[in-house]
Amino acid sequence: MYYLKFDLPNTLAIVRRELDAIGIPYTEKYGKSSILATINPDCKGLCLGIRADMDALPLQEKSGVEFSSEINNVFAIINCFI
């Protein structure tokens, strides 16, 4: 299920569940509907940041692919930035 803007209750619950399952600490104090997880916080040296968007846009998807959104006017665009 995809959600518009900052209304992401199920998506946030899935991310929390998965992070808890593998023991990765996280916080939600940096923004509405955001999770910041820290892997190996004691490591000195290089750091890698990864950002992923979890929301959708209010657009009608017309791609026709098998994994198209089934919700009218909700188009999920998955972005991941490193």
Protein backbone atom coordinates (compact mmCIF):
# COMPACT_ATOMS: atom_id res chain seq x y z
CA MET A 1 0.00 0.00 0.00
CA TYR A 2 1.36 3.40 -0.96
CA TYR A 3 0.59 6.63 0.83
CA LEU A 4 0.63 10.28 -0.11
CA LYS A 5 2.89 12.86 1.53
CA PHE A 6 3.68 12.16 5.19
CA ASP A 7 0.84 9.71 5.91
CA LEU A 8 2.87 6.46 5.97
CA PRO A 9 1.66 4.37 8.93
CA ASN A 10 2.01 0.90 7.39
CA THR A 11 5.27 1.66 5.60
CA LEU A 12 6.85 3.05 8.77
CA ALA A 13 5.66 0.02 10.73
CA ILE A 14 7.33 -2.32 8.21
CA VAL A 15 10.62 -0.41 8.34
CA ARG A 16 10.57 -0.40 12.18
CA ARG A 17 9.78 -4.12 12.28
CA GLU A 18 12.62 -5.00 9.91
CA LEU A 19 15.17 -2.80 11.68
CA ASP A 20 14.14 -4.28 15.05
CA ALA A 21 14.42 -7.81 13.65
CA ILE A 22 18.06 -7.31 12.67
CA GLY A 23 18.99 -5.20 15.68
CA ILE A 24 19.71 -1.88 13.96
CA PRO A 25 19.05 1.15 16.20
CA TYR A 26 17.00 4.02 14.78
CA THR A 27 15.29 7.26 15.70
CA GLU A 28 12.28 9.12 14.37
CA LYS A 29 13.17 12.52 15.82
CA TYR A 30 14.39 14.23 12.63
CA GLY A 31 11.17 14.74 10.72
CA LYS A 32 7.59 13.74 10.16
CA SER A 33 7.37 10.18 8.86
CA SER A 34 11.13 9.69 8.78
CA ILE A 35 13.43 7.07 10.24
CA LEU A 36 17.17 7.47 10.67
CA ALA A 37 19.01 4.19 11.29
CA THR A 38 22.67 3.95 12.30
CA ILE A 39 24.78 0.96 11.33
CA ASN A 40 28.12 0.59 13.13
CA PRO A 41 28.12 4.02 14.87
CA ASP A 42 31.54 3.37 16.47
CA CYS A 43 33.34 3.09 13.13
CA LYS A 44 35.97 5.79 12.59
CA GLY A 45 36.72 7.00 9.09
CA LEU A 46 34.53 6.93 6.02
CA CYS A 47 30.79 7.26 6.29
CA LEU A 48 28.07 6.24 3.83
CA GLY A 49 24.64 7.84 3.81
CA ILE A 50 21.64 6.23 2.14
CA ARG A 51 18.29 7.93 1.70
CA ALA A 52 15.11 6.30 0.43
CA ASP A 53 11.75 7.98 -0.19
CA MET A 54 8.74 5.97 0.97
CA ASP A 55 5.78 8.03 -0.19
CA ALA A 56 3.83 8.35 -3.43
CA LEU A 57 2.69 11.13 -5.75
CA PRO A 58 -0.93 12.07 -6.53
CA LEU A 59 -0.71 10.91 -10.16
CA GLN A 60 -2.54 8.27 -12.17
CA GLU A 61 -0.13 5.51 -13.17
CA LYS A 62 -0.52 4.37 -16.78
CA SER A 63 2.55 2.18 -17.22
CA GLY A 64 0.66 -1.09 -17.52
CA VAL A 65 3.42 -3.10 -15.83
CA GLU A 66 2.35 -5.97 -13.58
CA PHE A 67 3.44 -4.13 -10.41
CA SER A 68 1.50 -0.93 -11.21
CA SER A 69 -0.33 0.84 -8.44
CA GLU A 70 -3.83 -0.50 -7.94
CA ILE A 71 -4.95 2.69 -6.19
CA ASN A 72 -6.39 5.52 -8.30
CA ASN A 73 -4.30 8.69 -8.31
CA VAL A 74 -1.52 7.19 -6.19
CA PHE A 75 1.76 6.62 -8.02
CA ALA A 76 4.70 5.19 -6.10
CA ILE A 77 8.13 6.35 -7.16
CA ILE A 78 10.88 4.54 -5.29
CA ASN A 79 13.98 6.66 -4.86
CA CYS A 80 17.20 5.67 -3.15
CA PHE A 81 20.15 8.04 -2.88
CA ILE A 82 23.68 7.13 -1.81
